[in-house]
C-alpha atoms as a PDB file:
ATOM      1  CA  MET A   1       0.000   0.000   0.000  1.00  0.00           C
ATOM      2  CA  ARG A   2       1.191   3.445  -0.902  1.00  0.00           C
ATOM      3  CA  ASP A   3       1.246   6.214   1.688  1.00  0.00           C
ATOM      4  CA  LEU A   4       1.268   9.990   1.289  1.00  0.00           C
ATOM      5  CA  PRO A   5       3.876  11.241   3.778  1.00  0.00           C
ATOM      6  CA  ASP A   6       3.808  14.787   2.365  1.00  0.00           C
ATOM      7  CA  ILE A   7       0.370  15.292   3.927  1.00  0.00           C
ATOM      8  CA  LEU A   8       0.604  16.773   7.429  1.00  0.00           C
ATOM      9  CA  ASN A   9       0.718  14.029  10.081  1.00  0.00           C
ATOM     10  CA  TRP A  10      -0.219  11.277   7.619  1.00  0.00           C
ATOM     11  CA  ARG A  11      -0.921   7.944   9.311  1.00  0.00           C
ATOM     12  CA  ARG A  12      -2.378   4.628   8.191  1.00  0.00           C
ATOM     13  CA  LEU A  13      -4.773   3.060  10.686  1.00  0.00           C
ATOM     14  CA  ASP A  14      -5.245  -0.180   8.772  1.00  0.00           C
ATOM     15  CA  ASP A  15      -5.765  -1.501   5.232  1.00  0.00           C
ATOM     16  CA  ARG A  16      -8.791   0.693   4.607  1.00  0.00           C
ATOM     17  CA  ILE A  17      -8.513   3.771   6.847  1.00  0.00           C
ATOM     18  CA  THR A  18      -5.973   6.589   6.627  1.00  0.00           C
ATOM     19  CA  LEU A  19      -5.721   9.731   8.778  1.00  0.00           C
ATOM     20  CA  SER A  20      -4.074  13.119   8.502  1.00  0.00           C
ATOM     21  CA  GLY A  21      -4.060  16.802   9.130  1.00  0.00           C
ATOM     22  CA  GLN A  22      -5.639  19.089   6.509  1.00  0.00           C
ATOM     23  CA  PRO A  23      -4.834  17.947   2.967  1.00  0.00           C
ATOM     24  CA  THR A  24      -4.607  20.443   0.119  1.00  0.00           C
ATOM     25  CA  GLU A  25      -6.903  20.149  -2.909  1.00  0.00           C
ATOM     26  CA  GLU A  26      -4.087  18.451  -4.823  1.00  0.00           C
ATOM     27  CA  GLN A  27      -3.522  16.027  -1.958  1.00  0.00           C
ATOM     28  CA  LEU A  28      -7.235  15.172  -1.908  1.00  0.00           C
ATOM     29  CA  ALA A  29      -6.813  13.969  -5.495  1.00  0.00           C
ATOM     30  CA  GLU A  30      -3.863  11.825  -4.372  1.00  0.00           C
ATOM     31  CA  ILE A  31      -6.017  10.412  -1.574  1.00  0.00           C
ATOM     32  CA  ARG A  32      -8.685   9.512  -4.118  1.00  0.00           C
ATOM     33  CA  ASP A  33      -6.035   7.811  -6.246  1.00  0.00           C
ATOM     34  CA  LEU A  34      -5.349   5.478  -3.303  1.00  0.00           C
ATOM     35  CA  GLY A  35      -8.898   4.165  -3.738  1.00  0.00           C
ATOM     36  CA  VAL A  36     -10.517   6.282  -1.032  1.00  0.00           C
ATOM     37  CA  THR A  37     -14.245   6.714  -1.594  1.00  0.00           C
ATOM     38  CA  HIS A  38     -15.223   8.542   1.621  1.00  0.00           C
ATOM     39  CA  VAL A  39     -13.605  11.503   3.382  1.00  0.00           C
ATOM     40  CA  ILE A  40     -14.587  12.374   6.949  1.00  0.00           C
ATOM     41  CA  ASN A  41     -13.582  15.851   8.128  1.00  0.00           C
ATOM     42  CA  LEU A  42     -13.609  16.589  11.878  1.00  0.00           C
ATOM     43  CA  GLY A  43     -12.121  20.082  11.452  1.00  0.00           C
ATOM     44  CA  PRO A  44     -14.575  23.000  11.358  1.00  0.00           C
ATOM     45  CA  HIS A  45     -14.479  25.004   8.140  1.00  0.00           C
ATOM     46  CA  HIS A  46     -13.671  28.175  10.087  1.00  0.00           C
ATOM     47  CA  ASN A  47     -10.322  26.789  11.319  1.00  0.00           C
ATOM     48  CA  LYS A  48      -7.146  28.397  10.029  1.00  0.00           C
ATOM     49  CA  GLY A  49      -5.869  26.228   7.187  1.00  0.00           C
ATOM     50  CA  ALA A  50      -9.251  24.758   6.230  1.00  0.00           C
ATOM     51  CA  LEU A  51     -10.040  24.659   2.516  1.00  0.00           C
ATOM     52  CA  ALA A  52     -12.491  27.225   1.138  1.00  0.00           C
ATOM     53  CA  ASP A  53     -14.738  24.553  -0.432  1.00  0.00           C
ATOM     54  CA  GLU A  54     -13.554  21.142   0.657  1.00  0.00           C
ATOM     55  CA  ALA A  55     -16.994  19.590   0.171  1.00  0.00           C
ATOM     56  CA  GLY A  56     -17.130  20.807  -3.430  1.00  0.00           C
ATOM     57  CA  THR A  57     -13.609  19.575  -4.167  1.00  0.00           C
ATOM     58  CA  ILE A  58     -14.336  16.129  -2.758  1.00  0.00           C
ATOM     59  CA  VAL A  59     -17.618  15.764  -4.644  1.00  0.00           C
ATOM     60  CA  THR A  60     -15.905  16.895  -7.861  1.00  0.00           C
ATOM     61  CA  LEU A  61     -13.281  14.196  -7.280  1.00  0.00           C
ATOM     62  CA  GLY A  62     -16.076  11.605  -7.046  1.00  0.00           C
ATOM     63  CA  MET A  63     -15.827  10.895  -3.323  1.00  0.00           C
ATOM     64  CA  GLU A  64     -18.400  11.167  -0.540  1.00  0.00           C
ATOM     65  CA  TYR A  65     -17.900  13.933   2.034  1.00  0.00           C
ATOM     66  CA  ILE A  66     -18.906  13.508   5.676  1.00  0.00           C
ATOM     67  CA  TYR A  67     -18.544  16.648   7.786  1.00  0.00           C
ATOM     68  CA  ILE A  68     -18.525  16.427  11.577  1.00  0.00           C
ATOM     69  CA  PRO A  69     -17.228  19.799  12.815  1.00  0.00           C
ATOM     70  CA  VAL A  70     -15.640  19.232  16.235  1.00  0.00           C
ATOM     71  CA  GLU A  71     -14.779  22.408  18.110  1.00  0.00           C
ATOM     72  CA  PHE A  72     -11.297  21.840  19.502  1.00  0.00           C
ATOM     73  CA  GLY A  73     -12.140  23.292  22.913  1.00  0.00           C
ATOM     74  CA  ASN A  74     -15.330  21.274  23.262  1.00  0.00           C
ATOM     75  CA  PRO A  75     -15.367  17.710  21.907  1.00  0.00           C
ATOM     76  CA  THR A  76     -18.714  16.127  22.753  1.00  0.00           C
ATOM     77  CA  ASP A  77     -20.280  12.708  23.113  1.00  0.00           C
ATOM     78  CA  GLU A  78     -22.625  13.712  20.279  1.00  0.00           C
ATOM     79  CA  ASP A  79     -19.602  14.367  18.037  1.00  0.00           C
ATOM     80  CA  PHE A  80     -18.265  10.918  18.948  1.00  0.00           C
ATOM     81  CA  ALA A  81     -21.623   9.259  18.208  1.00  0.00           C
ATOM     82  CA  LYS A  82     -21.681  10.913  14.756  1.00  0.00           C
ATOM     83  CA  PHE A  83     -18.108   9.753  14.162  1.00  0.00           C
ATOM     84  CA  CYS A  84     -18.966   6.166  15.106  1.00  0.00           C
ATOM     85  CA  ASP A  85     -22.027   6.249  12.846  1.00  0.00           C
ATOM     86  CA  ALA A  86     -19.919   7.565   9.956  1.00  0.00           C
ATOM     87  CA  ILE A  87     -17.235   4.890  10.359  1.00  0.00           C
ATOM     88  CA  GLU A  88     -19.777   2.110  10.775  1.00  0.00           C
ATOM     89  CA  SER A  89     -21.862   3.257   7.791  1.00  0.00           C
ATOM     90  CA  CYS A  90     -18.890   2.611   5.473  1.00  0.00           C
ATOM     91  CA  PRO A  91     -17.797  -0.935   6.421  1.00  0.00           C
ATOM     92  CA  ASN A  92     -16.406  -2.045   3.064  1.00  0.00           C
ATOM     93  CA  THR A  93     -14.940   1.197   1.762  1.00  0.00           C
ATOM     94  CA  GLN A  94     -11.644   3.059   1.800  1.00  0.00           C
ATOM     95  CA  ILE A  95     -11.952   6.001   4.197  1.00  0.00           C
ATOM     96  CA  HIS A  96      -9.741   8.985   4.898  1.00  0.00           C
ATOM     97  CA  VAL A  97     -10.372  10.889   8.141  1.00  0.00           C
ATOM     98  CA  HIS A  98      -8.773  14.259   8.794  1.00  0.00           C
ATOM     99  CA  CYS A  99      -8.941  17.447  10.788  1.00  0.00           C
ATOM    100  CA  ILE A 100      -6.527  20.364  10.758  1.00  0.00           C
ATOM    101  CA  TYR A 101      -3.607  18.671  12.571  1.00  0.00           C
ATOM    102  CA  ASN A 102      -4.689  15.027  13.131  1.00  0.00           C
ATOM    103  CA  ALA A 103      -5.139  15.624  16.862  1.00  0.00           C
ATOM    104  CA  ARG A 104      -8.940  15.377  16.900  1.00  0.00           C
ATOM    105  CA  VAL A 105      -8.837  12.343  14.616  1.00  0.00           C
ATOM    106  CA  THR A 106      -6.318  10.338  16.630  1.00  0.00           C
ATOM    107  CA  ALA A 107      -8.201  11.090  19.876  1.00  0.00           C
ATOM    108  CA  PHE A 108     -11.454   9.933  18.276  1.00  0.00           C
ATOM    109  CA  PHE A 109      -9.843   6.702  17.065  1.00  0.00           C
ATOM    110  CA  TYR A 110      -8.323   6.141  20.511  1.00  0.00           C
ATOM    111  CA  ARG A 111     -11.732   6.487  22.151  1.00  0.00           C
ATOM    112  CA  TYR A 112     -13.205   4.273  19.419  1.00  0.00           C
ATOM    113  CA  ALA A 113     -10.572   1.595  20.159  1.00  0.00           C
ATOM    114  CA  LYS A 114     -11.441   1.791  23.858  1.00  0.00           C
ATOM    115  CA  THR A 115     -14.961   0.623  22.905  1.00  0.00           C
ATOM    116  CA  GLY A 116     -13.462  -2.489  21.305  1.00  0.00           C
ATOM    117  CA  GLN A 117     -13.768  -1.195  17.725  1.00  0.00           C
ATOM    118  CA  GLY A 118     -11.064  -0.846  15.095  1.00  0.00           C
ATOM    119  CA  ILE A 119      -7.459  -1.346  16.143  1.00  0.00           C
ATOM    120  CA  SER A 120      -6.370  -2.294  19.662  1.00  0.00           C
ATOM    121  CA  GLU A 121      -6.369   0.310  22.388  1.00  0.00           C
ATOM    122  CA  ALA A 122      -2.572   0.038  22.656  1.00  0.00           C
ATOM    123  CA  GLU A 123      -2.117   0.601  18.904  1.00  0.00           C
ATOM    124  CA  ALA A 124      -4.530   3.551  18.968  1.00  0.00           C
ATOM    125  CA  HIS A 125      -2.677   5.055  21.941  1.00  0.00           C
ATOM    126  CA  THR A 126       0.648   4.737  20.116  1.00  0.00           C
ATOM    127  CA  LEU A 127      -0.893   6.368  17.038  1.00  0.00           C
ATOM    128  CA  MET A 128      -2.271   9.269  19.101  1.00  0.00           C
ATOM    129  CA  ASP A 129       0.938   9.617  21.118  1.00  0.00           C
ATOM    130  CA  GLY A 130       2.859  10.099  17.866  1.00  0.00           C
ATOM    131  CA  ILE A 131       0.832  13.282  17.299  1.00  0.00           C
ATOM    132  CA  TRP A 132      -0.037  14.542  20.775  1.00  0.00           C
ATOM    133  CA  LYS A 133      -0.836  13.859  24.412  1.00  0.00           C
ATOM    134  CA  PRO A 134      -4.331  15.223  25.110  1.00  0.00           C
ATOM    135  CA  GLY A 135      -5.000  17.228  28.236  1.00  0.00           C
ATOM    136  CA  ASN A 136      -7.880  19.335  29.545  1.00  0.00           C
ATOM    137  CA  ASP A 137     -11.204  18.676  27.791  1.00  0.00           C
ATOM    138  CA  TRP A 138      -9.618  16.119  25.490  1.00  0.00           C
ATOM    139  CA  ALA A 139      -8.355  14.069  28.440  1.00  0.00           C
ATOM    140  CA  LYS A 140     -11.942  13.929  29.714  1.00  0.00           C
ATOM    141  CA  PHE A 141     -13.185  13.068  26.220  1.00  0.00           C
ATOM    142  CA  ILE A 142     -10.874  10.054  25.884  1.00  0.00           C
ATOM    143  CA  GLY A 143     -11.240   8.980  29.529  1.00  0.00           C
ATOM    144  CA  SER A 144      -7.682   9.778  30.617  1.00  0.00           C
ATOM    145  CA  GLN A 145      -8.321  10.983  34.147  1.00  0.00           C
ATOM    146  CA  GLU A 146      -4.602  11.312  34.955  1.00  0.00           C
ATOM    147  CA  ALA A 147      -4.252  13.970  32.209  1.00  0.00           C
ATOM    148  CA  VAL A 148      -7.265  16.068  33.262  1.00  0.00           C
ATOM    149  CA  GLY A 149      -5.986  19.505  34.206  1.00  0.00           C
ATOM    150  CA  GLN A 150      -2.827  19.055  32.142  1.00  0.00           C
ATOM    151  CA  PRO A 151      -2.165  21.036  28.953  1.00  0.00           C
ATOM    152  CA  ASN A 152      -2.306  19.441  25.526  1.00  0.00           C
ATOM    153  CA  ARG A 153       1.226  18.523  24.433  1.00  0.00           C
ATOM    154  CA  TYR A 154       2.443  17.925  20.908  1.00  0.00           C
ATOM    155  CA  ALA A 155       5.087  15.512  19.622  1.00  0.00           C
ATOM    156  CA  GLY A 156       8.290  17.293  18.708  1.00  0.00           C
ATOM    157  CA  GLU A 157       7.308  20.382  20.674  1.00  0.00           C
ATOM    158  CA  ASP A 158       6.459  19.427  24.246  1.00  0.00           C
ATOM    159  CA  TYR A 159       7.847  15.884  24.489  1.00  0.00           C
END
């Protein structure tokens, strides 16, 4: 399987799911060329670095677009339920999931793994830890009580 390491924080979850930070329009075409049929975006359109018309670009490229805008300072159980529904509604497809940095995405997949879905919890933790160590609201969101009250820390910057 080919990967796209030029995309910010590119990661491969498994044979059918890839993750990243915000891809450019050109990179979305490369993602499609990998066989991806569905793109899930957890980054709100108002975030710095978001594409002006990502939905239009993805539809033009012949892929399905699923938009679940997760406010970074307030991830919710409702957001997680929508994420689970989106992943589970595409069981036999190639999926790419992104946000602006791949922090939201890796935290969502970690929580998803903790429910017994997808990859193992240990693998999901390693994946997330390669991007960041959630603190504050994100620690609560993923059920990491020891990190509640701690700041978010980012690989290569804070550890």
